[in-house]
């Protein structure tokens, strides 16, 4: 009985495993072109939004900022506003 339970568990685990997908965004470029259609894909080979917009013109596509750009600011605390306490 124990072998049957382990066999069912192994078959269930093997059938639930799905292949991992590759990263959608290329971290070397700051701007990506999202092309819509039967096959929707991202083309991250642009340095500026105007450069990307020129490629997207007349196509079902949209330019987006790459959230995984490698040279982006690494310090999110610099954008926060600091509160100062009054000395009462």
N, C-alpha and C. Protein backbone atom coordinates (compact mmCIF):
# COMPACT_ATOMS: atom_id res chain seq x y z
N UNK A 1 0.82 -1.19 0.00
CA UNK A 1 0.00 0.00 0.00
C UNK A 1 0.86 1.26 0.00
N UNK A 2 1.98 1.18 0.74
CA UNK A 2 2.86 2.33 0.81
C UNK A 2 3.50 2.62 -0.55
N UNK A 3 3.84 1.58 -1.29
CA UNK A 3 4.45 1.75 -2.61
C UNK A 3 3.44 2.36 -3.58
N UNK A 4 2.19 1.95 -3.49
CA UNK A 4 1.15 2.51 -4.36
C UNK A 4 0.96 4.00 -4.06
N UNK A 5 0.97 4.37 -2.80
CA UNK A 5 0.81 5.78 -2.43
C UNK A 5 1.99 6.61 -2.92
N UNK A 6 3.21 6.08 -2.80
CA UNK A 6 4.39 6.79 -3.29
C UNK A 6 4.38 6.91 -4.81
N UNK A 7 3.91 5.87 -5.49
CA UNK A 7 3.83 5.92 -6.95
C UNK A 7 2.82 6.98 -7.40
N UNK A 8 1.68 7.05 -6.74
CA UNK A 8 0.68 8.07 -7.08
C UNK A 8 1.22 9.47 -6.80
N UNK A 9 1.93 9.63 -5.68
CA UNK A 9 2.52 10.92 -5.35
C UNK A 9 3.58 11.32 -6.37
N UNK A 10 4.40 10.37 -6.80
CA UNK A 10 5.44 10.67 -7.79
C UNK A 10 4.83 11.04 -9.13
N UNK A 11 3.80 10.34 -9.55
CA UNK A 11 3.13 10.65 -10.82
C UNK A 11 2.48 12.03 -10.75
N UNK A 12 1.84 12.33 -9.63
CA UNK A 12 1.22 13.64 -9.46
C UNK A 12 2.23 14.77 -9.47
N UNK A 13 3.37 14.57 -8.82
CA UNK A 13 4.41 15.60 -8.80
C UNK A 13 5.03 15.80 -10.19
N UNK A 14 5.22 14.73 -10.91
CA UNK A 14 5.80 14.84 -12.25
C UNK A 14 4.85 15.50 -13.23
N UNK A 15 3.56 15.26 -13.08
CA UNK A 15 2.60 15.86 -14.01
C UNK A 15 2.32 17.32 -13.66
N UNK A 16 2.56 17.71 -12.41
CA UNK A 16 2.32 19.10 -12.01
C UNK A 16 3.48 20.01 -12.38
N UNK A 17 4.64 19.45 -12.64
CA UNK A 17 5.81 20.25 -12.98
C UNK A 17 5.65 20.84 -14.38
N UNK A 18 5.89 22.12 -14.50
CA UNK A 18 5.83 22.79 -15.79
C UNK A 18 7.19 23.40 -16.08
N UNK A 19 7.56 23.52 -17.33
CA UNK A 19 8.86 24.11 -17.65
C UNK A 19 8.88 25.59 -17.30
N UNK A 20 10.02 26.05 -16.83
CA UNK A 20 10.17 27.47 -16.48
C UNK A 20 10.25 28.31 -17.75
N UNK A 21 9.70 29.51 -17.66
CA UNK A 21 9.74 30.42 -18.81
C UNK A 21 10.92 31.36 -18.67
N UNK A 22 11.45 31.78 -19.80
CA UNK A 22 12.58 32.69 -19.80
C UNK A 22 12.13 34.09 -19.41
N UNK A 23 13.07 34.92 -19.03
CA UNK A 23 12.75 36.28 -18.65
C UNK A 23 12.27 37.05 -19.88
N UNK A 24 11.20 37.81 -19.71
CA UNK A 24 10.60 38.53 -20.82
C UNK A 24 11.41 39.76 -21.20
N UNK A 25 11.96 40.45 -20.24
CA UNK A 25 12.66 41.70 -20.47
C UNK A 25 14.17 41.48 -20.51
N UNK A 26 14.84 42.20 -21.43
CA UNK A 26 16.29 42.17 -21.50
C UNK A 26 16.81 43.26 -20.56
N UNK A 27 17.61 42.94 -19.56
CA UNK A 27 18.05 43.95 -18.60
C UNK A 27 19.10 44.92 -19.13
N UNK A 28 19.51 44.80 -20.39
CA UNK A 28 20.52 45.68 -20.95
C UNK A 28 19.96 46.92 -21.62
N UNK A 29 18.66 46.99 -21.83
CA UNK A 29 18.04 48.12 -22.53
C UNK A 29 16.93 48.73 -21.66
N UNK A 30 16.82 50.07 -21.63
CA UNK A 30 15.84 50.71 -20.75
C UNK A 30 14.41 50.74 -21.29
N UNK A 31 14.21 50.51 -22.60
CA UNK A 31 12.88 50.62 -23.20
C UNK A 31 12.56 49.35 -23.98
N UNK A 32 11.31 48.89 -23.85
CA UNK A 32 10.86 47.69 -24.55
C UNK A 32 9.65 48.01 -25.43
N UNK A 33 9.53 47.30 -26.51
CA UNK A 33 8.38 47.40 -27.41
C UNK A 33 7.51 46.18 -27.17
N UNK A 34 6.27 46.42 -26.74
CA UNK A 34 5.32 45.31 -26.51
C UNK A 34 4.45 45.21 -27.75
N UNK A 35 4.62 44.14 -28.50
CA UNK A 35 3.88 43.92 -29.74
C UNK A 35 2.71 42.99 -29.45
N UNK A 36 1.51 43.42 -29.87
CA UNK A 36 0.29 42.65 -29.65
C UNK A 36 -0.08 41.88 -30.91
N UNK A 37 -0.82 40.82 -30.77
CA UNK A 37 -1.27 40.02 -31.90
C UNK A 37 -1.48 38.59 -31.45
N UNK A 38 -1.45 37.67 -32.43
CA UNK A 38 -1.57 36.25 -32.07
C UNK A 38 -0.46 35.83 -31.13
N UNK A 39 0.74 36.28 -31.46
CA UNK A 39 1.90 36.05 -30.60
C UNK A 39 2.30 37.39 -30.00
N UNK A 40 1.96 37.61 -28.79
CA UNK A 40 2.33 38.83 -28.09
C UNK A 40 3.73 38.65 -27.52
N UNK A 41 4.63 39.63 -27.78
CA UNK A 41 6.00 39.50 -27.29
C UNK A 41 6.58 40.87 -26.98
N UNK A 42 7.70 40.86 -26.25
CA UNK A 42 8.44 42.08 -25.91
C UNK A 42 9.75 42.08 -26.68
N UNK A 43 10.07 43.24 -27.25
CA UNK A 43 11.32 43.43 -27.97
C UNK A 43 12.10 44.52 -27.24
N UNK A 44 13.02 44.13 -26.40
CA UNK A 44 13.78 45.08 -25.58
C UNK A 44 15.13 45.37 -26.22
N UNK A 45 15.13 46.22 -27.23
CA UNK A 45 16.37 46.59 -27.91
C UNK A 45 16.44 48.09 -28.17
N UNK A 46 15.79 48.89 -27.33
CA UNK A 46 15.72 50.33 -27.56
C UNK A 46 16.32 51.10 -26.39
N UNK A 47 17.01 52.21 -26.73
CA UNK A 47 17.63 53.04 -25.71
C UNK A 47 16.74 54.21 -25.28
N UNK A 48 15.85 54.68 -26.16
CA UNK A 48 15.00 55.83 -25.84
C UNK A 48 13.56 55.55 -26.26
N UNK A 49 12.63 56.29 -25.64
CA UNK A 49 11.22 56.16 -26.02
C UNK A 49 10.96 56.65 -27.44
N UNK A 50 11.54 57.78 -27.89
CA UNK A 50 11.31 58.17 -29.29
C UNK A 50 11.79 57.14 -30.30
N UNK A 51 12.90 56.49 -30.01
CA UNK A 51 13.41 55.44 -30.89
C UNK A 51 12.42 54.28 -30.95
N UNK A 52 11.86 53.91 -29.82
CA UNK A 52 10.88 52.83 -29.76
C UNK A 52 9.58 53.24 -30.44
N UNK A 53 9.13 54.48 -30.20
CA UNK A 53 7.89 54.95 -30.81
C UNK A 53 7.96 54.97 -32.33
N UNK A 54 9.14 55.23 -32.88
CA UNK A 54 9.30 55.20 -34.33
C UNK A 54 9.09 53.78 -34.86
N UNK A 55 9.53 52.79 -34.12
CA UNK A 55 9.32 51.39 -34.54
C UNK A 55 7.88 50.95 -34.32
N UNK A 56 7.21 51.51 -33.32
CA UNK A 56 5.84 51.11 -33.01
C UNK A 56 4.82 51.78 -33.91
N UNK A 57 5.21 52.80 -34.63
CA UNK A 57 4.29 53.55 -35.47
C UNK A 57 3.65 52.67 -36.53
N UNK A 58 2.31 52.64 -36.55
CA UNK A 58 1.58 51.87 -37.54
C UNK A 58 1.44 50.40 -37.22
N UNK A 59 1.88 49.98 -36.07
CA UNK A 59 1.80 48.58 -35.67
C UNK A 59 0.96 48.47 -34.41
N UNK A 60 0.39 47.31 -34.13
CA UNK A 60 -0.30 47.12 -32.85
C UNK A 60 0.73 46.89 -31.75
N UNK A 61 1.37 47.97 -31.33
CA UNK A 61 2.46 47.87 -30.38
C UNK A 61 2.47 49.08 -29.45
N UNK A 62 3.15 48.93 -28.32
CA UNK A 62 3.23 49.99 -27.33
C UNK A 62 4.62 49.95 -26.70
N UNK A 63 5.19 51.11 -26.45
CA UNK A 63 6.49 51.19 -25.80
C UNK A 63 6.31 51.27 -24.29
N UNK A 64 7.12 50.51 -23.57
CA UNK A 64 7.05 50.48 -22.11
C UNK A 64 8.46 50.61 -21.55
N UNK A 65 8.52 51.13 -20.33
CA UNK A 65 9.80 51.23 -19.64
C UNK A 65 10.15 49.85 -19.08
N UNK A 66 11.38 49.45 -19.23
CA UNK A 66 11.84 48.15 -18.77
C UNK A 66 12.00 48.16 -17.25
N UNK A 67 11.20 47.38 -16.51
CA UNK A 67 11.32 47.38 -15.06
C UNK A 67 12.57 46.65 -14.55
N UNK A 68 13.25 45.93 -15.42
CA UNK A 68 14.43 45.17 -15.03
C UNK A 68 15.71 45.72 -15.63
N UNK A 69 15.70 47.00 -16.00
CA UNK A 69 16.89 47.63 -16.58
C UNK A 69 18.02 47.58 -15.57
N UNK A 70 19.18 47.04 -15.97
CA UNK A 70 20.27 46.78 -15.04
C UNK A 70 20.92 48.05 -14.49
N UNK A 71 20.87 49.15 -15.22
CA UNK A 71 21.55 50.36 -14.78
C UNK A 71 20.60 51.34 -14.12
N UNK A 72 19.44 50.88 -13.73
CA UNK A 72 18.47 51.75 -13.05
C UNK A 72 18.96 52.04 -11.64
N UNK A 73 18.38 53.03 -11.04
CA UNK A 73 18.75 53.42 -9.69
C UNK A 73 18.50 52.28 -8.72
N UNK A 74 19.48 51.99 -7.90
CA UNK A 74 19.36 50.89 -6.95
C UNK A 74 18.95 51.37 -5.56
N UNK A 75 18.79 52.67 -5.38
CA UNK A 75 18.51 53.21 -4.06
C UNK A 75 17.09 53.77 -3.99
N UNK A 76 16.10 52.94 -3.63
CA UNK A 76 14.73 53.45 -3.58
C UNK A 76 14.50 54.38 -2.41
N UNK A 77 15.35 54.34 -1.40
CA UNK A 77 15.14 55.21 -0.24
C UNK A 77 15.43 56.67 -0.57
N UNK A 78 16.13 56.96 -1.64
CA UNK A 78 16.45 58.34 -2.00
C UNK A 78 15.19 59.10 -2.44
N UNK A 79 14.15 58.39 -2.87
CA UNK A 79 12.94 59.03 -3.34
C UNK A 79 11.95 59.34 -2.22
N UNK A 80 12.18 58.78 -1.07
CA UNK A 80 11.25 58.97 0.03
C UNK A 80 11.43 60.35 0.66
N UNK A 81 10.35 60.85 1.18
CA UNK A 81 10.41 62.10 1.92
C UNK A 81 10.68 61.77 3.38
N UNK A 82 11.62 62.46 3.93
CA UNK A 82 11.96 62.21 5.34
C UNK A 82 11.14 63.13 6.22
N UNK A 83 10.64 62.59 7.29
CA UNK A 83 9.89 63.38 8.26
C UNK A 83 10.83 63.79 9.38
N UNK A 84 10.72 65.02 9.73
CA UNK A 84 11.51 65.51 10.83
C UNK A 84 10.61 65.80 12.01
N UNK A 85 11.02 65.40 13.18
CA UNK A 85 10.23 65.64 14.37
C UNK A 85 10.53 67.04 14.91
N UNK A 86 9.50 67.64 15.41
CA UNK A 86 9.69 68.92 16.07
C UNK A 86 10.27 68.67 17.46
N UNK A 87 11.00 69.59 17.96
CA UNK A 87 11.64 69.42 19.26
C UNK A 87 10.77 69.87 20.41
N UNK A 88 9.52 69.54 20.46
CA UNK A 88 8.65 69.94 21.57
C UNK A 88 8.91 69.12 22.78
